[in-house]
Amino acid sequence: MVIYGVALLSFCMLVGVFVGDLLGEVMGVQANVGGVGIAMLLLLVLTNLGSREAALSPITEKGIGFWSAMYIPIVVAMAARQNVFSALSGGWMAIVAGVAAVTASFAMIPLLARLGRGGQDDS
């Protein structure tokens, strides 16, 4: 049922916001640090984990898949709410952190591709 997808999305969002707030407190920042990203990763893990270990009915899988697909536009809308101008006016640290994150992500692509193939080469 679609309601399971909504419940899973809500759970992931609540956990993500909670962990993001905790990270903000630990870092001494009065903000949620990465809560939406944590929620997205948790949703991906739980969505893929659930289909392997639990035999879900096809309609339940469709509901979870639908809300997993809907989460990306939700994240984009939430990110649009953030005050990017304030972050950038705070100094070069925001730009350096963004470039470092993108560079690290690109550097991980070959490793993740190898892991996805199970260490097998194309030859």
C-alpha atoms as a PDB file:
ATOM      1  CA  MET A   1       0.000   0.000   0.000  1.00  0.00           C
ATOM      2  CA  VAL A   2       1.067   3.563  -0.591  1.00  0.00           C
ATOM      3  CA  ILE A   3       0.724   4.308   3.127  1.00  0.00           C
ATOM      4  CA  TYR A   4       3.820   2.200   3.852  1.00  0.00           C
ATOM      5  CA  GLY A   5       5.805   4.433   1.523  1.00  0.00           C
ATOM      6  CA  VAL A   6       4.565   7.531   3.364  1.00  0.00           C
ATOM      7  CA  ALA A   7       5.389   5.951   6.727  1.00  0.00           C
ATOM      8  CA  LEU A   8       8.894   5.017   5.590  1.00  0.00           C
ATOM      9  CA  LEU A   9       9.507   8.484   4.152  1.00  0.00           C
ATOM     10  CA  SER A  10       8.246  10.130   7.348  1.00  0.00           C
ATOM     11  CA  PHE A  11      10.414   7.910   9.525  1.00  0.00           C
ATOM     12  CA  CYS A  12      13.513   8.669   7.461  1.00  0.00           C
ATOM     13  CA  MET A  13      12.811  12.398   7.495  1.00  0.00           C
ATOM     14  CA  LEU A  14      12.287  12.504  11.264  1.00  0.00           C
ATOM     15  CA  VAL A  15      15.455  10.514  11.924  1.00  0.00           C
ATOM     16  CA  GLY A  16      17.404  12.679   9.463  1.00  0.00           C
ATOM     17  CA  VAL A  17      16.235  15.930  11.044  1.00  0.00           C
ATOM     18  CA  PHE A  18      16.986  14.604  14.531  1.00  0.00           C
ATOM     19  CA  VAL A  19      20.503  13.440  13.599  1.00  0.00           C
ATOM     20  CA  GLY A  20      21.134  16.679  11.670  1.00  0.00           C
ATOM     21  CA  ASP A  21      20.157  18.734  14.705  1.00  0.00           C
ATOM     22  CA  LEU A  22      22.434  16.624  16.907  1.00  0.00           C
ATOM     23  CA  LEU A  23      25.315  17.144  14.485  1.00  0.00           C
ATOM     24  CA  GLY A  24      24.652  20.873  14.577  1.00  0.00           C
ATOM     25  CA  GLU A  25      24.781  20.877  18.368  1.00  0.00           C
ATOM     26  CA  VAL A  26      28.010  18.863  18.388  1.00  0.00           C
ATOM     27  CA  MET A  27      29.590  21.254  15.880  1.00  0.00           C
ATOM     28  CA  GLY A  28      28.373  24.299  17.805  1.00  0.00           C
ATOM     29  CA  VAL A  29      26.160  25.513  14.951  1.00  0.00           C
ATOM     30  CA  GLN A  30      22.581  26.635  15.456  1.00  0.00           C
ATOM     31  CA  ALA A  31      21.393  24.732  12.374  1.00  0.00           C
ATOM     32  CA  ASN A  32      20.507  21.329  11.026  1.00  0.00           C
ATOM     33  CA  VAL A  33      23.698  19.888   9.526  1.00  0.00           C
ATOM     34  CA  GLY A  34      22.998  17.383   6.761  1.00  0.00           C
ATOM     35  CA  GLY A  35      19.672  16.146   8.064  1.00  0.00           C
ATOM     36  CA  VAL A  36      18.018  15.990   4.661  1.00  0.00           C
ATOM     37  CA  GLY A  37      20.967  14.124   3.168  1.00  0.00           C
ATOM     38  CA  ILE A  38      20.993  11.682   6.063  1.00  0.00           C
ATOM     39  CA  ALA A  39      17.282  11.102   5.549  1.00  0.00           C
ATOM     40  CA  MET A  40      17.814  10.470   1.836  1.00  0.00           C
ATOM     41  CA  LEU A  41      20.588   7.953   2.474  1.00  0.00           C
ATOM     42  CA  LEU A  42      18.520   6.220   5.147  1.00  0.00           C
ATOM     43  CA  LEU A  43      15.569   6.008   2.757  1.00  0.00           C
ATOM     44  CA  LEU A  44      17.755   4.441   0.068  1.00  0.00           C
ATOM     45  CA  VAL A  45      19.212   1.904   2.493  1.00  0.00           C
ATOM     46  CA  LEU A  46      15.854   0.936   3.994  1.00  0.00           C
ATOM     47  CA  THR A  47      14.164   0.730   0.603  1.00  0.00           C
ATOM     48  CA  ASN A  48      16.798  -1.632  -0.780  1.00  0.00           C
ATOM     49  CA  LEU A  49      17.206  -3.594   2.436  1.00  0.00           C
ATOM     50  CA  GLY A  50      13.498  -4.208   2.828  1.00  0.00           C
ATOM     51  CA  SER A  51      13.025  -5.773  -0.597  1.00  0.00           C
ATOM     52  CA  ARG A  52      15.755  -8.361   0.039  1.00  0.00           C
ATOM     53  CA  GLU A  53      14.875  -9.511   3.534  1.00  0.00           C
ATOM     54  CA  ALA A  54      11.112  -9.059   3.683  1.00  0.00           C
ATOM     55  CA  ALA A  55       8.693 -10.472   1.146  1.00  0.00           C
ATOM     56  CA  LEU A  56       6.524  -7.441   0.452  1.00  0.00           C
ATOM     57  CA  SER A  57       3.420  -7.543  -1.678  1.00  0.00           C
ATOM     58  CA  PRO A  58       3.761  -5.911  -5.106  1.00  0.00           C
ATOM     59  CA  ILE A  59       1.430  -3.055  -4.207  1.00  0.00           C
ATOM     60  CA  THR A  60       3.453  -2.312  -1.063  1.00  0.00           C
ATOM     61  CA  GLU A  61       6.668  -2.257  -3.103  1.00  0.00           C
ATOM     62  CA  LYS A  62       5.021   0.126  -5.560  1.00  0.00           C
ATOM     63  CA  GLY A  63       3.987   2.449  -2.730  1.00  0.00           C
ATOM     64  CA  ILE A  64       7.470   2.495  -1.252  1.00  0.00           C
ATOM     65  CA  GLY A  65       8.998   2.968  -4.714  1.00  0.00           C
ATOM     66  CA  PHE A  66       6.631   5.853  -5.469  1.00  0.00           C
ATOM     67  CA  TRP A  67       7.524   7.787  -2.339  1.00  0.00           C
ATOM     68  CA  SER A  68      11.205   7.040  -2.777  1.00  0.00           C
ATOM     69  CA  ALA A  69      10.978   8.618  -6.228  1.00  0.00           C
ATOM     70  CA  MET A  70       9.013  11.586  -4.845  1.00  0.00           C
ATOM     71  CA  TYR A  71      11.697  12.300  -2.258  1.00  0.00           C
ATOM     72  CA  ILE A  72      14.106  13.859  -4.755  1.00  0.00           C
ATOM     73  CA  PRO A  73      11.756  16.749  -5.676  1.00  0.00           C
ATOM     74  CA  ILE A  74      11.022  17.198  -1.981  1.00  0.00           C
ATOM     75  CA  VAL A  75      14.752  17.519  -1.254  1.00  0.00           C
ATOM     76  CA  VAL A  76      15.155  20.032  -4.081  1.00  0.00           C
ATOM     77  CA  ALA A  77      12.290  22.110  -2.698  1.00  0.00           C
ATOM     78  CA  MET A  78      13.764  22.014   0.797  1.00  0.00           C
ATOM     79  CA  ALA A  79      17.202  22.975  -0.468  1.00  0.00           C
ATOM     80  CA  ALA A  80      15.685  25.927  -2.322  1.00  0.00           C
ATOM     81  CA  ARG A  81      14.439  27.249   1.026  1.00  0.00           C
ATOM     82  CA  GLN A  82      17.917  27.518   2.429  1.00  0.00           C
ATOM     83  CA  ASN A  83      19.563  30.887   2.460  1.00  0.00           C
ATOM     84  CA  VAL A  84      22.452  30.322   0.069  1.00  0.00           C
ATOM     85  CA  PHE A  85      23.397  33.992   0.035  1.00  0.00           C
ATOM     86  CA  SER A  86      24.069  33.975   3.781  1.00  0.00           C
ATOM     87  CA  ALA A  87      26.202  30.862   3.467  1.00  0.00           C
ATOM     88  CA  LEU A  88      28.303  32.364   0.693  1.00  0.00           C
ATOM     89  CA  SER A  89      28.621  35.752   2.377  1.00  0.00           C
ATOM     90  CA  GLY A  90      30.065  33.961   5.409  1.00  0.00           C
ATOM     91  CA  GLY A  91      33.320  33.487   3.529  1.00  0.00           C
ATOM     92  CA  TRP A  92      35.128  31.142   1.195  1.00  0.00           C
ATOM     93  CA  MET A  93      34.700  28.169   3.505  1.00  0.00           C
ATOM     94  CA  ALA A  94      31.296  27.276   1.997  1.00  0.00           C
ATOM     95  CA  ILE A  95      32.730  27.286  -1.524  1.00  0.00           C
ATOM     96  CA  VAL A  96      35.813  25.276  -0.501  1.00  0.00           C
ATOM     97  CA  ALA A  97      33.648  22.715   1.327  1.00  0.00           C
ATOM     98  CA  GLY A  98      31.344  22.361  -1.684  1.00  0.00           C
ATOM     99  CA  VAL A  99      34.211  21.886  -4.128  1.00  0.00           C
ATOM    100  CA  ALA A 100      35.875  19.376  -1.786  1.00  0.00           C
ATOM    101  CA  ALA A 101      32.655  17.364  -1.470  1.00  0.00           C
ATOM    102  CA  VAL A 102      32.142  17.252  -5.236  1.00  0.00           C
ATOM    103  CA  THR A 103      35.778  16.295  -5.831  1.00  0.00           C
ATOM    104  CA  ALA A 104      35.598  13.505  -3.243  1.00  0.00           C
ATOM    105  CA  SER A 105      32.352  12.243  -4.792  1.00  0.00           C
ATOM    106  CA  PHE A 106      33.902  12.115  -8.270  1.00  0.00           C
ATOM    107  CA  ALA A 107      36.941  10.321  -6.870  1.00  0.00           C
ATOM    108  CA  MET A 108      34.671   7.628  -5.378  1.00  0.00           C
ATOM    109  CA  ILE A 109      32.986   6.754  -8.703  1.00  0.00           C
ATOM    110  CA  PRO A 110      35.629   4.226  -9.881  1.00  0.00           C
ATOM    111  CA  LEU A 111      35.669   2.528  -6.470  1.00  0.00           C
ATOM    112  CA  LEU A 112      31.894   2.277  -6.331  1.00  0.00           C
ATOM    113  CA  ALA A 113      31.798   0.977  -9.906  1.00  0.00           C
ATOM    114  CA  ARG A 114      34.222  -1.801  -8.966  1.00  0.00           C
ATOM    115  CA  LEU A 115      32.217  -2.689  -5.883  1.00  0.00           C
ATOM    116  CA  GLY A 116      29.026  -2.782  -7.940  1.00  0.00           C
ATOM    117  CA  ARG A 117      30.542  -5.294 -10.348  1.00  0.00           C
ATOM    118  CA  GLY A 118      31.805  -7.431  -7.484  1.00  0.00           C
ATOM    119  CA  GLY A 119      35.449  -6.799  -8.315  1.00  0.00           C
ATOM    120  CA  GLN A 120      35.158  -8.321 -11.802  1.00  0.00           C
ATOM    121  CA  ASP A 121      36.886  -6.685 -14.736  1.00  0.00           C
ATOM    122  CA  ASP A 122      35.208  -6.208 -18.119  1.00  0.00           C
ATOM    123  CA  SER A 123      37.867  -8.293 -19.893  1.00  0.00           C
END
